[in-house]
Amino acid sequence: MTQAELKNAQQLKLKEVQEQQEKLKALQEDLAKLNAKVANHEELTPEDTKFISGLGWLSALSVTVATIAASI
């Protein structure tokens, strides 16, 4: 790889990482809202329970972010 190609690849990876960070930030906000409901003993909505059940992919996302970050 030439220096220019390497720099371009790094920029693409950086952009991917930044996009993933934005998604994670949004998830953190959603989780904070959900945690507040649980802490206040509020009833969870069907949407809340659906959100919780869909969190399985979060671990896969974490691995993806870590892989991208490690490749930079």
PDB file of N, CA and C in Angstrom:
ATOM      1  N   MET A   1       0.838  -1.183   0.000  1.00  0.00           N
ATOM      2  CA  MET A   1       0.000   0.000   0.000  1.00  0.00           C
ATOM      3  C   MET A   1       0.883   1.246   0.000  1.00  0.00           C
ATOM      4  N   THR A   2       0.475   2.191  -0.755  1.00  0.00           N
ATOM      5  CA  THR A   2       1.204   3.450  -0.751  1.00  0.00           C
ATOM      6  C   THR A   2       0.772   4.262   0.464  1.00  0.00           C
ATOM      7  N   GLN A   3       1.529   5.289   0.723  1.00  0.00           N
ATOM      8  CA  GLN A   3       1.223   6.166   1.872  1.00  0.00           C
ATOM      9  C   GLN A   3      -0.170   6.783   1.728  1.00  0.00           C
ATOM     10  N   ALA A   4      -0.517   7.208   0.515  1.00  0.00           N
ATOM     11  CA  ALA A   4      -1.818   7.830   0.272  1.00  0.00           C
ATOM     12  C   ALA A   4      -2.948   6.816   0.472  1.00  0.00           C
ATOM     13  N   GLU A   5      -2.757   5.585   0.014  1.00  0.00           N
ATOM     14  CA  GLU A   5      -3.771   4.547   0.182  1.00  0.00           C
ATOM     15  C   GLU A   5      -3.954   4.202   1.657  1.00  0.00           C
ATOM     16  N   LEU A   6      -2.851   4.148   2.364  1.00  0.00           N
ATOM     17  CA  LEU A   6      -2.909   3.855   3.788  1.00  0.00           C
ATOM     18  C   LEU A   6      -3.664   4.946   4.537  1.00  0.00           C
ATOM     19  N   LYS A   7      -3.353   6.187   4.220  1.00  0.00           N
ATOM     20  CA  LYS A   7      -4.031   7.315   4.866  1.00  0.00           C
ATOM     21  C   LYS A   7      -5.527   7.287   4.545  1.00  0.00           C
ATOM     22  N   ASN A   8      -5.875   6.980   3.301  1.00  0.00           N
ATOM     23  CA  ASN A   8      -7.276   6.906   2.900  1.00  0.00           C
ATOM     24  C   ASN A   8      -7.992   5.789   3.661  1.00  0.00           C
ATOM     25  N   ALA A   9      -7.356   4.641   3.793  1.00  0.00           N
ATOM     26  CA  ALA A   9      -7.942   3.525   4.527  1.00  0.00           C
ATOM     27  C   ALA A   9      -8.148   3.903   5.997  1.00  0.00           C
ATOM     28  N   GLN A  10      -7.178   4.592   6.572  1.00  0.00           N
ATOM     29  CA  GLN A  10      -7.298   5.022   7.962  1.00  0.00           C
ATOM     30  C   GLN A  10      -8.450   6.003   8.135  1.00  0.00           C
ATOM     31  N   GLN A  11      -8.603   6.907   7.173  1.00  0.00           N
ATOM     32  CA  GLN A  11      -9.695   7.884   7.243  1.00  0.00           C
ATOM     33  C   GLN A  11     -11.050   7.184   7.161  1.00  0.00           C
ATOM     34  N   LEU A  12     -11.152   6.170   6.296  1.00  0.00           N
ATOM     35  CA  LEU A  12     -12.401   5.423   6.181  1.00  0.00           C
ATOM     36  C   LEU A  12     -12.717   4.684   7.484  1.00  0.00           C
ATOM     37  N   LYS A  13     -11.714   4.077   8.074  1.00  0.00           N
ATOM     38  CA  LYS A  13     -11.906   3.367   9.334  1.00  0.00           C
ATOM     39  C   LYS A  13     -12.294   4.341  10.441  1.00  0.00           C
ATOM     40  N   LEU A  14     -11.665   5.493  10.464  1.00  0.00           N
ATOM     41  CA  LEU A  14     -11.993   6.503  11.461  1.00  0.00           C
ATOM     42  C   LEU A  14     -13.446   6.937  11.322  1.00  0.00           C
ATOM     43  N   LYS A  15     -13.884   7.128  10.092  1.00  0.00           N
ATOM     44  CA  LYS A  15     -15.273   7.516   9.851  1.00  0.00           C
ATOM     45  C   LYS A  15     -16.226   6.428  10.344  1.00  0.00           C
ATOM     46  N   GLU A  16     -15.878   5.171  10.096  1.00  0.00           N
ATOM     47  CA  GLU A  16     -16.701   4.059  10.571  1.00  0.00           C
ATOM     48  C   GLU A  16     -16.787   4.064  12.098  1.00  0.00           C
ATOM     49  N   VAL A  17     -15.662   4.273  12.742  1.00  0.00           N
ATOM     50  CA  VAL A  17     -15.632   4.300  14.204  1.00  0.00           C
ATOM     51  C   VAL A  17     -16.493   5.451  14.728  1.00  0.00           C
ATOM     52  N   GLN A  18     -16.385   6.607  14.120  1.00  0.00           N
ATOM     53  CA  GLN A  18     -17.172   7.760  14.560  1.00  0.00           C
ATOM     54  C   GLN A  18     -18.670   7.509  14.393  1.00  0.00           C
ATOM     55  N   GLU A  19     -19.045   6.851  13.297  1.00  0.00           N
ATOM     56  CA  GLU A  19     -20.452   6.523  13.081  1.00  0.00           C
ATOM     57  C   GLU A  19     -20.942   5.555  14.155  1.00  0.00           C
ATOM     58  N   GLN A  20     -20.117   4.574  14.474  1.00  0.00           N
ATOM     59  CA  GLN A  20     -20.483   3.617  15.518  1.00  0.00           C
ATOM     60  C   GLN A  20     -20.577   4.300  16.879  1.00  0.00           C
ATOM     61  N   GLN A  21     -19.687   5.248  17.138  1.00  0.00           N
ATOM     62  CA  GLN A  21     -19.725   5.973  18.407  1.00  0.00           C
ATOM     63  C   GLN A  21     -21.025   6.752  18.540  1.00  0.00           C
ATOM     64  N   GLU A  22     -21.496   7.339  17.455  1.00  0.00           N
ATOM     65  CA  GLU A  22     -22.767   8.072  17.491  1.00  0.00           C
ATOM     66  C   GLU A  22     -23.914   7.123  17.819  1.00  0.00           C
ATOM     67  N   LYS A  23     -23.893   5.944  17.217  1.00  0.00           N
ATOM     68  CA  LYS A  23     -24.940   4.964  17.500  1.00  0.00           C
ATOM     69  C   LYS A  23     -24.885   4.528  18.963  1.00  0.00           C
ATOM     70  N   LEU A  24     -23.690   4.329  19.465  1.00  0.00           N
ATOM     71  CA  LEU A  24     -23.543   3.932  20.863  1.00  0.00           C
ATOM     72  C   LEU A  24     -24.007   5.028  21.814  1.00  0.00           C
ATOM     73  N   LYS A  25     -23.752   6.263  21.445  1.00  0.00           N
ATOM     74  CA  LYS A  25     -24.185   7.385  22.276  1.00  0.00           C
ATOM     75  C   LYS A  25     -25.712   7.411  22.370  1.00  0.00           C
ATOM     76  N   ALA A  26     -26.372   7.184  21.255  1.00  0.00           N
ATOM     77  CA  ALA A  26     -27.836   7.145  21.248  1.00  0.00           C
ATOM     78  C   ALA A  26     -28.345   5.989  22.106  1.00  0.00           C
ATOM     79  N   LEU A  27     -27.679   4.851  22.030  1.00  0.00           N
ATOM     80  CA  LEU A  27     -28.069   3.708  22.848  1.00  0.00           C
ATOM     81  C   LEU A  27     -27.882   3.995  24.330  1.00  0.00           C
ATOM     82  N   GLN A  28     -26.793   4.662  24.659  1.00  0.00           N
ATOM     83  CA  GLN A  28     -26.553   5.015  26.057  1.00  0.00           C
ATOM     84  C   GLN A  28     -27.663   5.906  26.595  1.00  0.00           C
ATOM     85  N   GLU A  29     -28.116   6.838  25.770  1.00  0.00           N
ATOM     86  CA  GLU A  29     -29.206   7.720  26.190  1.00  0.00           C
ATOM     87  C   GLU A  29     -30.488   6.926  26.419  1.00  0.00           C
ATOM     88  N   ASP A  30     -30.778   5.996  25.508  1.00  0.00           N
ATOM     89  CA  ASP A  30     -31.964   5.156  25.664  1.00  0.00           C
ATOM     90  C   ASP A  30     -31.868   4.295  26.920  1.00  0.00           C
ATOM     91  N   LEU A  31     -30.687   3.741  27.158  1.00  0.00           N
ATOM     92  CA  LEU A  31     -30.493   2.913  28.343  1.00  0.00           C
ATOM     93  C   LEU A  31     -30.614   3.729  29.628  1.00  0.00           C
ATOM     94  N   ALA A  32     -30.144   4.955  29.603  1.00  0.00           N
ATOM     95  CA  ALA A  32     -30.260   5.818  30.777  1.00  0.00           C
ATOM     96  C   ALA A  32     -31.734   6.084  31.095  1.00  0.00           C
ATOM     97  N   LYS A  33     -32.540   6.311  30.079  1.00  0.00           N
ATOM     98  CA  LYS A  33     -33.972   6.532  30.278  1.00  0.00           C
ATOM     99  C   LYS A  33     -34.629   5.275  30.857  1.00  0.00           C
ATOM    100  N   LEU A  34     -34.237   4.134  30.304  1.00  0.00           N
ATOM    101  CA  LEU A  34     -34.793   2.872  30.777  1.00  0.00           C
ATOM    102  C   LEU A  34     -34.366   2.585  32.212  1.00  0.00           C
ATOM    103  N   ASN A  35     -33.115   2.846  32.524  1.00  0.00           N
ATOM    104  CA  ASN A  35     -32.624   2.655  33.891  1.00  0.00           C
ATOM    105  C   ASN A  35     -33.354   3.555  34.873  1.00  0.00           C
ATOM    106  N   ALA A  36     -33.662   4.767  34.454  1.00  0.00           N
ATOM    107  CA  ALA A  36     -34.405   5.681  35.320  1.00  0.00           C
ATOM    108  C   ALA A  36     -35.800   5.133  35.611  1.00  0.00           C
ATOM    109  N   LYS A  37     -36.442   4.558  34.598  1.00  0.00           N
ATOM    110  CA  LYS A  37     -37.764   3.966  34.811  1.00  0.00           C
ATOM    111  C   LYS A  37     -37.680   2.821  35.815  1.00  0.00           C
ATOM    112  N   VAL A  38     -36.669   1.980  35.648  1.00  0.00           N
ATOM    113  CA  VAL A  38     -36.513   0.841  36.548  1.00  0.00           C
ATOM    114  C   VAL A  38     -36.217   1.331  37.963  1.00  0.00           C
ATOM    115  N   ALA A  39     -35.327   2.305  38.088  1.00  0.00           N
ATOM    116  CA  ALA A  39     -34.957   2.829  39.407  1.00  0.00           C
ATOM    117  C   ALA A  39     -36.154   3.471  40.108  1.00  0.00           C
ATOM    118  N   ASN A  40     -37.049   4.064  39.335  1.00  0.00           N
ATOM    119  CA  ASN A  40     -38.239   4.710  39.908  1.00  0.00           C
ATOM    120  C   ASN A  40     -39.424   3.759  40.019  1.00  0.00           C
ATOM    121  N   HIS A  41     -39.187   2.488  39.727  1.00  0.00           N
ATOM    122  CA  HIS A  41     -40.217   1.448  39.805  1.00  0.00           C
ATOM    123  C   HIS A  41     -41.419   1.773  38.918  1.00  0.00           C
ATOM    124  N   GLU A  42     -41.146   2.386  37.766  1.00  0.00           N
ATOM    125  CA  GLU A  42     -42.216   2.681  36.814  1.00  0.00           C
ATOM    126  C   GLU A  42     -42.479   1.448  35.953  1.00  0.00           C
ATOM    127  N   GLU A  43     -43.703   1.356  35.474  1.00  0.00           N
ATOM    128  CA  GLU A  43     -44.061   0.231  34.621  1.00  0.00           C
ATOM    129  C   GLU A  43     -43.407   0.405  33.250  1.00  0.00           C
ATOM    130  N   LEU A  44     -42.849  -0.674  32.734  1.00  0.00           N
ATOM    131  CA  LEU A  44     -42.219  -0.636  31.421  1.00  0.00           C
ATOM    132  C   LEU A  44     -43.283  -0.813  30.346  1.00  0.00           C
ATOM    133  N   THR A  45     -43.139  -0.068  29.290  1.00  0.00           N
ATOM    134  CA  THR A  45     -44.066  -0.162  28.172  1.00  0.00           C
ATOM    135  C   THR A  45     -43.681  -1.355  27.292  1.00  0.00           C
ATOM    136  N   PRO A  46     -44.578  -1.764  26.419  1.00  0.00           N
ATOM    137  CA  PRO A  46     -44.217  -2.822  25.468  1.00  0.00           C
ATOM    138  C   PRO A  46     -43.001  -2.430  24.613  1.00  0.00           C
ATOM    139  N   GLU A  47     -42.893  -1.150  24.310  1.00  0.00           N
ATOM    140  CA  GLU A  47     -41.729  -0.683  23.553  1.00  0.00           C
ATOM    141  C   GLU A  47     -40.444  -0.864  24.363  1.00  0.00           C
ATOM    142  N   ASP A  48     -40.529  -0.610  25.666  1.00  0.00           N
ATOM    143  CA  ASP A  48     -39.367  -0.791  26.534  1.00  0.00           C
ATOM    144  C   ASP A  48     -38.912  -2.247  26.535  1.00  0.00           C
ATOM    145  N   THR A  49     -39.874  -3.155  26.681  1.00  0.00           N
ATOM    146  CA  THR A  49     -39.510  -4.570  26.724  1.00  0.00           C
ATOM    147  C   THR A  49     -38.995  -5.048  25.374  1.00  0.00           C
ATOM    148  N   LYS A  50     -39.543  -4.493  24.303  1.00  0.00           N
ATOM    149  CA  LYS A  50     -39.040  -4.834  22.966  1.00  0.00           C
ATOM    150  C   LYS A  50     -37.602  -4.342  22.817  1.00  0.00           C
ATOM    151  N   PHE A  51     -37.337  -3.146  23.313  1.00  0.00           N
ATOM    152  CA  PHE A  51     -35.989  -2.589  23.266  1.00  0.00           C
ATOM    153  C   PHE A  51     -35.017  -3.475  24.031  1.00  0.00           C
ATOM    154  N   ILE A  52     -35.421  -3.893  25.215  1.00  0.00           N
ATOM    155  CA  ILE A  52     -34.566  -4.745  26.043  1.00  0.00           C
ATOM    156  C   ILE A  52     -34.283  -6.065  25.334  1.00  0.00           C
ATOM    157  N   SER A  53     -35.308  -6.636  24.725  1.00  0.00           N
ATOM    158  CA  SER A  53     -35.111  -7.918  24.050  1.00  0.00           C
ATOM    159  C   SER A  53     -34.231  -7.783  22.812  1.00  0.00           C
ATOM    160  N   GLY A  54     -34.189  -6.593  22.247  1.00  0.00           N
ATOM    161  CA  GLY A  54     -33.366  -6.370  21.064  1.00  0.00           C
ATOM    162  C   GLY A  54     -31.920  -6.013  21.359  1.00  0.00           C
ATOM    163  N   LEU A  55     -31.547  -5.973  22.618  1.00  0.00           N
ATOM    164  CA  LEU A  55     -30.189  -5.567  22.968  1.00  0.00           C
ATOM    165  C   LEU A  55     -29.124  -6.626  22.693  1.00  0.00           C
ATOM    166  N   GLY A  56     -29.539  -7.790  22.302  1.00  0.00           N
ATOM    167  CA  GLY A  56     -28.572  -8.840  22.025  1.00  0.00           C
ATOM    168  C   GLY A  56     -27.555  -8.439  20.970  1.00  0.00           C
ATOM    169  N   TRP A  57     -27.977  -7.633  20.021  1.00  0.00           N
ATOM    170  CA  TRP A  57     -27.060  -7.230  18.955  1.00  0.00           C
ATOM    171  C   TRP A  57     -26.031  -6.225  19.450  1.00  0.00           C
ATOM    172  N   LEU A  58     -26.262  -5.656  20.618  1.00  0.00           N
ATOM    173  CA  LEU A  58     -25.333  -4.669  21.158  1.00  0.00           C
ATOM    174  C   LEU A  58     -23.947  -5.270  21.373  1.00  0.00           C
ATOM    175  N   SER A  59     -23.911  -6.497  21.823  1.00  0.00           N
ATOM    176  CA  SER A  59     -22.605  -7.129  22.028  1.00  0.00           C
ATOM    177  C   SER A  59     -21.885  -7.312  20.702  1.00  0.00           C
ATOM    178  N   ALA A  60     -22.616  -7.651  19.654  1.00  0.00           N
ATOM    179  CA  ALA A  60     -21.998  -7.783  18.331  1.00  0.00           C
ATOM    180  C   ALA A  60     -21.486  -6.425  17.841  1.00  0.00           C
ATOM    181  N   LEU A  61     -22.238  -5.380  18.119  1.00  0.00           N
ATOM    182  CA  LEU A  61     -21.808  -4.039  17.750  1.00  0.00           C
ATOM    183  C   LEU A  61     -20.531  -3.660  18.487  1.00  0.00           C
ATOM    184  N   SER A  62     -20.449  -4.017  19.752  1.00  0.00           N
ATOM    185  CA  SER A  62     -19.255  -3.731  20.541  1.00  0.00           C
ATOM    186  C   SER A  62     -18.025  -4.407  19.940  1.00  0.00           C
ATOM    187  N   VAL A  63     -18.194  -5.640  19.530  1.00  0.00           N
ATOM    188  CA  VAL A  63     -17.084  -6.365  18.910  1.00  0.00           C
ATOM    189  C   VAL A  63     -16.685  -5.709  17.604  1.00  0.00           C
ATOM    190  N   THR A  64     -17.663  -5.267  16.831  1.00  0.00           N
ATOM    191  CA  THR A  64     -17.369  -4.589  15.567  1.00  0.00           C
ATOM    192  C   THR A  64     -16.583  -3.306  15.806  1.00  0.00           C
ATOM    193  N   VAL A  65     -17.013  -2.513  16.766  1.00  0.00           N
ATOM    194  CA  VAL A  65     -16.318  -1.263  17.078  1.00  0.00           C
ATOM    195  C   VAL A  65     -14.890  -1.560  17.536  1.00  0.00           C
ATOM    196  N   ALA A  66     -14.736  -2.549  18.383  1.00  0.00           N
ATOM    197  CA  ALA A  66     -13.404  -2.893  18.859  1.00  0.00           C
ATOM    198  C   ALA A  66     -12.516  -3.375  17.718  1.00  0.00           C
ATOM    199  N   THR A  67     -13.074  -4.128  16.797  1.00  0.00           N
ATOM    200  CA  THR A  67     -12.304  -4.623  15.656  1.00  0.00           C
ATOM    201  C   THR A  67     -11.871  -3.466  14.764  1.00  0.00           C
ATOM    202  N   ILE A  68     -12.785  -2.558  14.501  1.00  0.00           N
ATOM    203  CA  ILE A  68     -12.464  -1.400  13.658  1.00  0.00           C
ATOM    204  C   ILE A  68     -11.400  -0.549  14.349  1.00  0.00           C
ATOM    205  N   ALA A  69     -11.586  -0.303  15.635  1.00  0.00           N
ATOM    206  CA  ALA A  69     -10.623   0.517  16.375  1.00  0.00           C
ATOM    207  C   ALA A  69      -9.239  -0.134  16.387  1.00  0.00           C
ATOM    208  N   ALA A  70      -9.201  -1.447  16.506  1.00  0.00           N
ATOM    209  CA  ALA A  70      -7.917  -2.154  16.535  1.00  0.00           C
ATOM    210  C   ALA A  70      -7.221  -2.129  15.181  1.00  0.00           C
ATOM    211  N   SER A  71      -8.003  -1.983  14.116  1.00  0.00           N
ATOM    212  CA  SER A  71      -7.396  -2.002  12.788  1.00  0.00           C
ATOM    213  C   SER A  71      -6.890  -0.643  12.336  1.00  0.00           C
ATOM    214  N   ILE A  72      -7.152   0.380  13.128  1.00  0.00           N
ATOM    215  CA  ILE A  72      -6.687   1.736  12.751  1.00  0.00           C
ATOM    216  C   ILE A  72      -5.226   1.883  13.084  1.00  0.00           C
TER     217      ILE A  72
END
